[in-house]
Amino acid sequence: MDKIKKITTLELESVIGENKYKIIDIRDSNSYEVSHLPGAKNMADQAQLEKFIASEDKSQSIIVCCYHGFSSLGVVERLVDEGFKDVYNFEGGFNAWELKNKERKK
């Protein structure tokens, strides 16, 4: 894939809570249970991802989140290869989200 669409923490903050994006969190279930992006759906295993691919509207906008923004790249590529039209990788992943929120609380 030549160019993967990206979304930054700042951009995500401006759209979170809108129903424009479906957020997929591919971190392990325990990490997801401890904390996750508002509205995110956990897809920690291949079976969940396969079910999502088979059942979801391919025209919807999707943001994929992992720990640091690297593992999610493969999922973004897979979704695009499967025909999803508007898929974004969350730059910096959940770690960037946590850091941003910790800075805000200072």
C-alpha atoms as a PDB file:
ATOM      1  CA  MET A   1       0.000   0.000   0.000  1.00  0.00           C
ATOM      2  CA  ASP A   2       1.522   3.289  -1.075  1.00  0.00           C
ATOM      3  CA  LYS A   3       0.033   5.677   1.411  1.00  0.00           C
ATOM      4  CA  ILE A   4      -1.759   4.836   4.622  1.00  0.00           C
ATOM      5  CA  LYS A   5      -4.120   7.479   5.934  1.00  0.00           C
ATOM      6  CA  LYS A   6      -3.207   8.653   9.427  1.00  0.00           C
ATOM      7  CA  ILE A   7      -5.025  10.436  12.204  1.00  0.00           C
ATOM      8  CA  THR A   8      -3.196  12.223  15.012  1.00  0.00           C
ATOM      9  CA  THR A   9      -4.214  12.506  18.653  1.00  0.00           C
ATOM     10  CA  LEU A  10      -5.272  16.118  18.111  1.00  0.00           C
ATOM     11  CA  GLU A  11      -7.380  15.193  15.080  1.00  0.00           C
ATOM     12  CA  LEU A  12      -8.916  12.250  16.936  1.00  0.00           C
ATOM     13  CA  GLU A  13      -9.856  14.489  19.863  1.00  0.00           C
ATOM     14  CA  SER A  14     -11.828  16.702  17.500  1.00  0.00           C
ATOM     15  CA  VAL A  15     -13.918  13.819  16.101  1.00  0.00           C
ATOM     16  CA  ILE A  16     -14.230  11.450  19.060  1.00  0.00           C
ATOM     17  CA  GLY A  17     -17.803  11.090  20.143  1.00  0.00           C
ATOM     18  CA  GLU A  18     -19.102  11.750  16.651  1.00  0.00           C
ATOM     19  CA  ASN A  19     -20.604   8.740  14.995  1.00  0.00           C
ATOM     20  CA  LYS A  20     -18.642   9.418  11.818  1.00  0.00           C
ATOM     21  CA  TYR A  21     -15.842   6.971  12.705  1.00  0.00           C
ATOM     22  CA  LYS A  22     -15.858   3.396  13.940  1.00  0.00           C
ATOM     23  CA  ILE A  23     -12.836   2.867  16.198  1.00  0.00           C
ATOM     24  CA  ILE A  24     -11.197  -0.555  16.336  1.00  0.00           C
ATOM     25  CA  ASP A  25      -8.782  -1.294  19.183  1.00  0.00           C
ATOM     26  CA  ILE A  26      -6.559  -4.279  18.367  1.00  0.00           C
ATOM     27  CA  ARG A  27      -4.735  -4.364  21.721  1.00  0.00           C
ATOM     28  CA  ASP A  28      -5.190  -7.398  23.963  1.00  0.00           C
ATOM     29  CA  SER A  29      -8.467  -7.686  25.849  1.00  0.00           C
ATOM     30  CA  ASN A  30      -6.917  -7.010  29.267  1.00  0.00           C
ATOM     31  CA  SER A  31      -5.372  -3.728  28.125  1.00  0.00           C
ATOM     32  CA  TYR A  32      -8.648  -2.735  26.494  1.00  0.00           C
ATOM     33  CA  GLU A  33     -10.560  -3.471  29.707  1.00  0.00           C
ATOM     34  CA  VAL A  34      -8.207  -1.273  31.739  1.00  0.00           C
ATOM     35  CA  SER A  35      -8.689   1.691  29.424  1.00  0.00           C
ATOM     36  CA  HIS A  36      -9.564   2.435  25.806  1.00  0.00           C
ATOM     37  CA  LEU A  37     -10.634   5.210  23.482  1.00  0.00           C
ATOM     38  CA  PRO A  38     -14.239   6.296  23.967  1.00  0.00           C
ATOM     39  CA  GLY A  39     -16.488   4.243  21.703  1.00  0.00           C
ATOM     40  CA  ALA A  40     -13.729   1.840  20.634  1.00  0.00           C
ATOM     41  CA  LYS A  41     -14.549  -1.793  19.939  1.00  0.00           C
ATOM     42  CA  ASN A  42     -11.964  -4.390  20.913  1.00  0.00           C
ATOM     43  CA  MET A  43     -10.804  -6.785  18.205  1.00  0.00           C
ATOM     44  CA  ALA A  44      -7.895  -8.546  19.827  1.00  0.00           C
ATOM     45  CA  ASP A  45      -7.974 -11.692  17.725  1.00  0.00           C
ATOM     46  CA  GLN A  46      -8.174 -12.740  14.092  1.00  0.00           C
ATOM     47  CA  ALA A  47     -11.661 -14.255  14.416  1.00  0.00           C
ATOM     48  CA  GLN A  48     -13.123 -10.933  15.579  1.00  0.00           C
ATOM     49  CA  LEU A  49     -11.448  -9.123  12.701  1.00  0.00           C
ATOM     50  CA  GLU A  50     -12.715 -11.677  10.170  1.00  0.00           C
ATOM     51  CA  LYS A  51     -16.269 -11.288  11.479  1.00  0.00           C
ATOM     52  CA  PHE A  52     -15.942  -7.491  11.239  1.00  0.00           C
ATOM     53  CA  ILE A  53     -14.690  -7.706   7.640  1.00  0.00           C
ATOM     54  CA  ALA A  54     -17.554  -9.987   6.646  1.00  0.00           C
ATOM     55  CA  SER A  55     -20.328  -8.009   8.305  1.00  0.00           C
ATOM     56  CA  GLU A  56     -19.499  -4.293   8.240  1.00  0.00           C
ATOM     57  CA  ASP A  57     -20.286  -1.579   5.705  1.00  0.00           C
ATOM     58  CA  LYS A  58     -17.148  -1.024   3.648  1.00  0.00           C
ATOM     59  CA  SER A  59     -17.971   2.644   3.049  1.00  0.00           C
ATOM     60  CA  GLN A  60     -17.805   3.599   6.726  1.00  0.00           C
ATOM     61  CA  SER A  61     -14.841   5.514   8.153  1.00  0.00           C
ATOM     62  CA  ILE A  62     -12.634   3.420  10.444  1.00  0.00           C
ATOM     63  CA  ILE A  63      -9.787   4.270  12.817  1.00  0.00           C
ATOM     64  CA  VAL A  64      -7.492   1.433  13.910  1.00  0.00           C
ATOM     65  CA  CYS A  65      -5.702   1.769  17.256  1.00  0.00           C
ATOM     66  CA  CYS A  66      -2.966  -0.360  18.814  1.00  0.00           C
ATOM     67  CA  TYR A  67      -0.364   0.352  21.521  1.00  0.00           C
ATOM     68  CA  HIS A  68       2.046   2.592  19.582  1.00  0.00           C
ATOM     69  CA  GLY A  69       0.642   2.876  16.058  1.00  0.00           C
ATOM     70  CA  PHE A  70       2.723   0.131  14.436  1.00  0.00           C
ATOM     71  CA  SER A  71       0.748  -3.122  14.725  1.00  0.00           C
ATOM     72  CA  SER A  72      -2.331  -1.330  13.478  1.00  0.00           C
ATOM     73  CA  LEU A  73      -0.644  -0.629  10.121  1.00  0.00           C
ATOM     74  CA  GLY A  74      -1.128  -4.253   9.040  1.00  0.00           C
ATOM     75  CA  VAL A  75      -4.797  -4.181  10.001  1.00  0.00           C
ATOM     76  CA  VAL A  76      -5.302  -0.919   8.101  1.00  0.00           C
ATOM     77  CA  GLU A  77      -3.723  -2.493   5.003  1.00  0.00           C
ATOM     78  CA  ARG A  78      -5.872  -5.602   5.392  1.00  0.00           C
ATOM     79  CA  LEU A  79      -9.085  -3.588   5.672  1.00  0.00           C
ATOM     80  CA  VAL A  80      -8.193  -1.546   2.591  1.00  0.00           C
ATOM     81  CA  ASP A  81      -7.324  -4.747   0.695  1.00  0.00           C
ATOM     82  CA  GLU A  82     -10.741  -6.123   1.704  1.00  0.00           C
ATOM     83  CA  GLY A  83     -12.463  -3.104   0.131  1.00  0.00           C
ATOM     84  CA  PHE A  84     -12.925  -0.684   3.013  1.00  0.00           C
ATOM     85  CA  LYS A  85     -12.694   2.821   1.562  1.00  0.00           C
ATOM     86  CA  ASP A  86     -11.844   5.166   4.458  1.00  0.00           C
ATOM     87  CA  VAL A  87      -9.430   3.612   6.970  1.00  0.00           C
ATOM     88  CA  TYR A  88      -7.004   5.500   9.241  1.00  0.00           C
ATOM     89  CA  ASN A  89      -4.085   4.434  11.383  1.00  0.00           C
ATOM     90  CA  PHE A  90      -4.012   6.177  14.780  1.00  0.00           C
ATOM     91  CA  GLU A  91      -0.503   7.654  14.947  1.00  0.00           C
ATOM     92  CA  GLY A  92       1.212   6.929  18.234  1.00  0.00           C
ATOM     93  CA  GLY A  93      -1.572   4.557  19.250  1.00  0.00           C
ATOM     94  CA  PHE A  94      -3.157   4.363  22.663  1.00  0.00           C
ATOM     95  CA  ASN A  95       0.156   5.356  24.244  1.00  0.00           C
ATOM     96  CA  ALA A  96      -0.062   8.785  22.554  1.00  0.00           C
ATOM     97  CA  TRP A  97      -3.655   9.161  23.763  1.00  0.00           C
ATOM     98  CA  GLU A  98      -2.658   8.405  27.362  1.00  0.00           C
ATOM     99  CA  LEU A  99       0.315  10.792  27.247  1.00  0.00           C
ATOM    100  CA  LYS A 100      -1.870  13.593  25.897  1.00  0.00           C
ATOM    101  CA  ASN A 101      -4.442  13.067  28.650  1.00  0.00           C
ATOM    102  CA  LYS A 102      -1.761  12.920  31.384  1.00  0.00           C
ATOM    103  CA  GLU A 103      -0.330  16.251  30.170  1.00  0.00           C
ATOM    104  CA  ARG A 104      -3.803  17.767  30.271  1.00  0.00           C
ATOM    105  CA  LYS A 105      -4.307  16.696  33.915  1.00  0.00           C
ATOM    106  CA  LYS A 106      -1.111  18.415  35.088  1.00  0.00           C
END
